[in-house]
Amino acid sequence: MTLDPRLSLACDLYPPVPLAADIGTDHAHLPIALLKGGACGRMILTDISPDALNNARENIARARLTDRVDFRLGDGLAVLREPVPMISVLGMGGRTISEMLLQDRAALQGACLLLSAHTDLPLVRAALRDLGYHLTAEEPCLDAGRYYLLLRAAPGQAELSPREIRLGSLLFESRSPVLQPYLLKRREVLRAKLSGLEKAAEPDTAAISLLAEDIDYLERRIHP
């Protein structure tokens, strides 16, 4: 089985652990790679969809890994009862992920986190801050023509400025070959948003000024 670039990066960011949980596991391609590669001894695979969980169960069986997996049907982190050293939540919207983390914070029990949100990354960073977590990696990737950002976090408070919550912090230390294209894409998105704000019937001058500052911040980090 060949992983797509996003799941391949997720594998690279996963530390070796005896037990991990993959929330919203869907096809279970990431857990299969982690279990076969030895990064995880055992895994808990969860999904809110019975069909998705059955799909994961079938794929795990074909990979002959059933004896190392616990399947649980349920929403979010609520199905986790025991401490789990590592939890991954990939492929959901940022609002969904942030609400899940905050609502079920008791289930975290000090777990490290690997998160990939399609949208609303500032909400995810803010939720991690509010949970007393700090980022240990922010790595971009390009998959099927779309850019993604994977966040890894661990318990321990660290200050994030409002701009770092909006744009990223460790992201700018990444050595990924797609960092610069990712930043160019982010600048393009922000410029389009700025243009829309400027054309509004009643322009929000404070929002326009803040967005212009964010664009300038990105531009100073884009290498020619």
Protein backbone atom coordinates (compact mmCIF):
# COMPACT_ATOMS: atom_id res chain seq x y z
CA MET A 1 0.00 0.00 0.00
CA THR A 2 1.38 3.39 -1.03
CA LEU A 3 0.39 6.33 1.15
CA ASP A 4 -0.53 9.69 -0.32
CA PRO A 5 1.80 12.60 0.59
CA ARG A 6 -0.37 13.80 3.49
CA LEU A 7 -0.51 10.40 5.20
CA SER A 8 3.16 9.79 4.44
CA LEU A 9 4.01 13.02 6.26
CA ALA A 10 1.74 11.96 9.12
CA CYS A 11 3.76 8.73 9.42
CA ASP A 12 6.99 10.72 9.54
CA LEU A 13 5.62 12.89 12.36
CA TYR A 14 4.38 9.97 14.47
CA PRO A 15 6.73 9.11 17.35
CA PRO A 16 7.20 5.45 18.34
CA VAL A 17 4.54 4.59 20.95
CA PRO A 18 3.14 1.37 22.43
CA LEU A 19 -0.44 2.57 21.92
CA ALA A 20 -2.07 5.22 19.73
CA ALA A 21 -5.57 6.23 18.68
CA ASP A 22 -6.69 7.35 15.23
CA ILE A 23 -9.92 9.34 15.48
CA GLY A 24 -12.13 9.28 12.40
CA THR A 25 -9.98 6.54 10.93
CA ASP A 26 -12.07 5.95 7.78
CA HIS A 27 -10.07 3.56 5.55
CA ALA A 28 -7.35 2.94 8.22
CA HIS A 29 -4.50 3.45 5.74
CA LEU A 30 -2.46 5.47 8.25
CA PRO A 31 -2.86 2.93 11.10
CA ILE A 32 -1.90 0.08 8.78
CA ALA A 33 1.32 1.88 7.84
CA LEU A 34 2.09 2.75 11.46
CA LEU A 35 1.49 -0.79 12.71
CA LYS A 36 3.42 -2.45 9.90
CA GLY A 37 6.27 0.03 10.20
CA GLY A 38 6.59 -0.55 13.93
CA ALA A 39 5.78 3.03 15.00
CA CYS A 40 2.84 1.76 17.07
CA GLY A 41 2.51 -1.46 19.02
CA ARG A 42 -1.28 -1.31 19.17
CA MET A 43 -3.95 1.13 17.97
CA ILE A 44 -7.48 2.17 18.79
CA LEU A 45 -9.42 3.05 15.63
CA THR A 46 -12.59 5.08 15.96
CA ASP A 47 -15.22 6.49 13.65
CA ILE A 48 -18.69 7.95 14.02
CA SER A 49 -19.82 6.09 10.89
CA PRO A 50 -20.56 2.34 11.16
CA ASP A 51 -19.82 1.94 7.42
CA ALA A 52 -16.46 3.68 7.74
CA LEU A 53 -15.53 1.55 10.75
CA ASN A 54 -16.50 -1.62 8.90
CA ASN A 55 -14.32 -0.46 5.98
CA ALA A 56 -11.42 0.03 8.40
CA ARG A 57 -12.05 -3.39 9.95
CA GLU A 58 -11.93 -5.06 6.52
CA ASN A 59 -8.70 -3.29 5.56
CA ILE A 60 -7.08 -4.18 8.88
CA ALA A 61 -8.11 -7.82 8.41
CA ARG A 62 -6.60 -7.89 4.91
CA ALA A 63 -3.37 -6.51 6.40
CA ARG A 64 -3.48 -9.28 9.06
CA LEU A 65 -3.35 -6.77 11.91
CA THR A 66 -6.67 -7.48 13.64
CA ASP A 67 -5.00 -8.77 16.81
CA ARG A 68 -3.29 -5.37 17.30
CA VAL A 69 -6.36 -3.15 16.82
CA ASP A 70 -9.34 -2.17 18.95
CA PHE A 71 -12.29 -0.78 16.94
CA ARG A 72 -14.68 1.66 18.60
CA LEU A 73 -17.78 3.28 17.16
CA GLY A 74 -18.40 6.77 18.53
CA ASP A 75 -18.05 10.50 18.25
CA GLY A 76 -14.75 12.24 18.83
CA LEU A 77 -12.58 11.41 21.81
CA ALA A 78 -15.46 10.26 24.01
CA VAL A 79 -14.79 6.59 23.21
CA LEU A 80 -11.30 6.75 24.74
CA ARG A 81 -11.34 5.39 28.27
CA GLU A 82 -7.68 4.58 28.94
CA PRO A 83 -4.64 6.87 28.67
CA VAL A 84 -3.31 6.90 25.09
CA PRO A 85 0.19 8.32 24.49
CA MET A 86 -0.56 9.51 20.94
CA ILE A 87 -3.79 10.61 19.25
CA SER A 88 -4.21 11.53 15.58
CA VAL A 89 -7.16 13.44 14.13
CA LEU A 90 -6.84 13.99 10.39
CA GLY A 91 -9.10 15.06 7.58
CA MET A 92 -11.70 17.11 9.46
CA GLY A 93 -12.51 20.81 9.51
CA GLY A 94 -10.67 22.98 12.00
CA ARG A 95 -13.83 23.98 13.84
CA THR A 96 -14.79 20.31 14.27
CA ILE A 97 -11.33 19.41 15.56
CA SER A 98 -11.10 22.36 17.95
CA GLU A 99 -14.57 21.72 19.38
CA MET A 100 -13.77 18.03 19.78
CA LEU A 101 -10.55 18.74 21.69
CA LEU A 102 -12.15 21.29 24.00
CA GLN A 103 -15.33 19.30 24.62
CA ASP A 104 -13.54 16.02 25.37
CA ARG A 105 -10.40 17.47 26.96
CA ALA A 106 -10.64 15.00 29.86
CA ALA A 107 -10.06 12.14 27.42
CA LEU A 108 -6.69 13.55 26.35
CA GLN A 109 -4.98 12.57 29.63
CA GLY A 110 -1.66 14.05 28.50
CA ALA A 111 -1.62 12.52 25.03
CA CYS A 112 0.50 14.02 22.29
CA LEU A 113 -1.51 15.07 19.25
CA LEU A 114 -1.16 14.98 15.47
CA LEU A 115 -3.79 17.10 13.73
CA SER A 116 -4.61 17.96 10.13
CA ALA A 117 -7.49 20.35 9.50
CA HIS A 118 -8.80 21.26 6.05
CA THR A 119 -9.99 24.66 7.28
CA ASP A 120 -9.85 27.10 10.22
CA LEU A 121 -6.30 26.37 11.37
CA PRO A 122 -6.32 29.40 13.72
CA LEU A 123 -9.15 27.76 15.68
CA VAL A 124 -7.04 24.63 16.12
CA ARG A 125 -3.99 26.58 17.31
CA ALA A 126 -6.15 28.58 19.73
CA ALA A 127 -7.71 25.38 21.10
CA LEU A 128 -4.27 23.87 21.71
CA ARG A 129 -3.22 27.00 23.57
CA ASP A 130 -6.39 26.91 25.67
CA LEU A 131 -5.77 23.24 26.50
CA GLY A 132 -2.28 24.03 27.78
CA TYR A 133 -0.55 22.43 24.79
CA HIS A 134 2.31 23.70 22.68
CA LEU A 135 3.20 23.01 19.06
CA THR A 136 6.22 20.80 18.37
CA ALA A 137 5.89 20.81 14.57
CA GLU A 138 3.97 22.55 11.77
CA GLU A 139 4.72 20.88 8.46
CA PRO A 140 3.12 21.61 5.06
CA CYS A 141 2.56 19.17 2.24
CA LEU A 142 1.06 19.13 -1.25
CA ASP A 143 -1.39 16.33 -2.00
CA ALA A 144 -3.43 16.05 -5.20
CA GLY A 145 -2.97 19.74 -5.95
CA ARG A 146 -4.04 20.91 -2.50
CA TYR A 147 -1.88 22.16 0.36
CA TYR A 148 -2.27 20.77 3.87
CA LEU A 149 -0.64 21.63 7.18
CA LEU A 150 0.01 19.00 9.84
CA LEU A 151 0.32 20.13 13.45
CA ARG A 152 1.97 18.08 16.17
CA ALA A 153 1.47 19.17 19.77
CA ALA A 154 2.39 18.08 23.28
CA PRO A 155 1.27 19.06 26.80
CA GLY A 156 2.96 22.18 28.13
CA GLN A 157 1.96 25.80 27.82
CA ALA A 158 3.72 28.03 25.31
CA GLU A 159 2.79 31.58 24.42
CA LEU A 160 1.48 32.24 20.92
CA SER A 161 0.96 35.75 19.65
CA PRO A 162 -2.30 36.55 17.84
CA ARG A 163 -0.35 36.59 14.56
CA GLU A 164 1.20 33.19 15.29
CA ILE A 165 -2.27 31.80 15.91
CA ARG A 166 -3.43 33.22 12.58
CA LEU A 167 -0.39 32.36 10.43
CA GLY A 168 1.71 29.81 12.29
CA SER A 169 4.84 29.76 14.41
CA LEU A 170 7.03 26.68 13.87
CA LEU A 171 5.78 26.64 10.28
CA PHE A 172 8.44 29.18 9.35
CA GLU A 173 11.19 26.88 10.68
CA SER A 174 10.10 23.99 8.44
CA ARG A 175 12.64 22.65 5.96
CA SER A 176 9.94 21.17 3.75
CA PRO A 177 10.48 21.69 0.00
CA VAL A 178 6.86 22.83 -0.24
CA LEU A 179 7.14 25.54 2.43
CA GLN A 180 7.69 28.37 -0.01
CA PRO A 181 4.89 27.28 -2.40
CA TYR A 182 2.63 26.90 0.63
CA LEU A 183 3.41 30.44 1.80
CA LEU A 184 2.81 31.78 -1.71
CA LYS A 185 -0.59 30.09 -1.72
CA ARG A 186 -1.43 31.52 1.70
CA ARG A 187 -0.46 34.99 0.46
CA GLU A 188 -2.71 34.54 -2.57
CA VAL A 189 -5.65 33.58 -0.34
CA LEU A 190 -5.09 36.54 1.99
CA ARG A 191 -4.75 38.96 -0.92
CA ALA A 192 -8.11 37.75 -2.30
CA LYS A 193 -9.67 38.23 1.13
CA LEU A 194 -8.18 41.72 1.39
CA SER A 195 -9.56 42.65 -2.02
CA GLY A 196 -13.01 41.56 -0.90
CA LEU A 197 -12.80 43.61 2.29
CA GLU A 198 -11.68 46.69 0.39
CA LYS A 199 -14.62 46.41 -2.02
CA ALA A 200 -17.22 46.14 0.74
CA ALA A 201 -19.91 48.82 0.91
CA GLU A 202 -18.65 49.73 4.38
CA PRO A 203 -14.99 48.66 4.58
CA ASP A 204 -13.77 47.46 7.98
CA THR A 205 -10.61 49.53 8.26
CA ALA A 206 -9.28 47.64 11.29
CA ALA A 207 -9.68 44.27 9.56
CA ILE A 208 -8.12 45.63 6.39
CA SER A 209 -5.11 46.97 8.28
CA LEU A 210 -4.61 43.69 10.15
CA LEU A 211 -4.85 41.64 6.97
CA ALA A 212 -2.40 43.91 5.17
CA GLU A 213 0.06 43.45 8.04
CA ASP A 214 -0.34 39.65 7.83
CA ILE A 215 0.34 39.73 4.08
CA ASP A 216 3.47 41.82 4.67
CA TYR A 217 4.56 39.35 7.38
CA LEU A 218 4.25 36.45 4.93
CA GLU A 219 6.00 38.34 2.15
CA ARG A 220 9.04 38.90 4.35
CA ARG A 221 9.27 35.13 4.81
CA ILE A 222 8.92 34.18 1.15
CA HIS A 223 12.31 33.73 -0.47
CA PRO A 224 12.71 34.89 -4.07
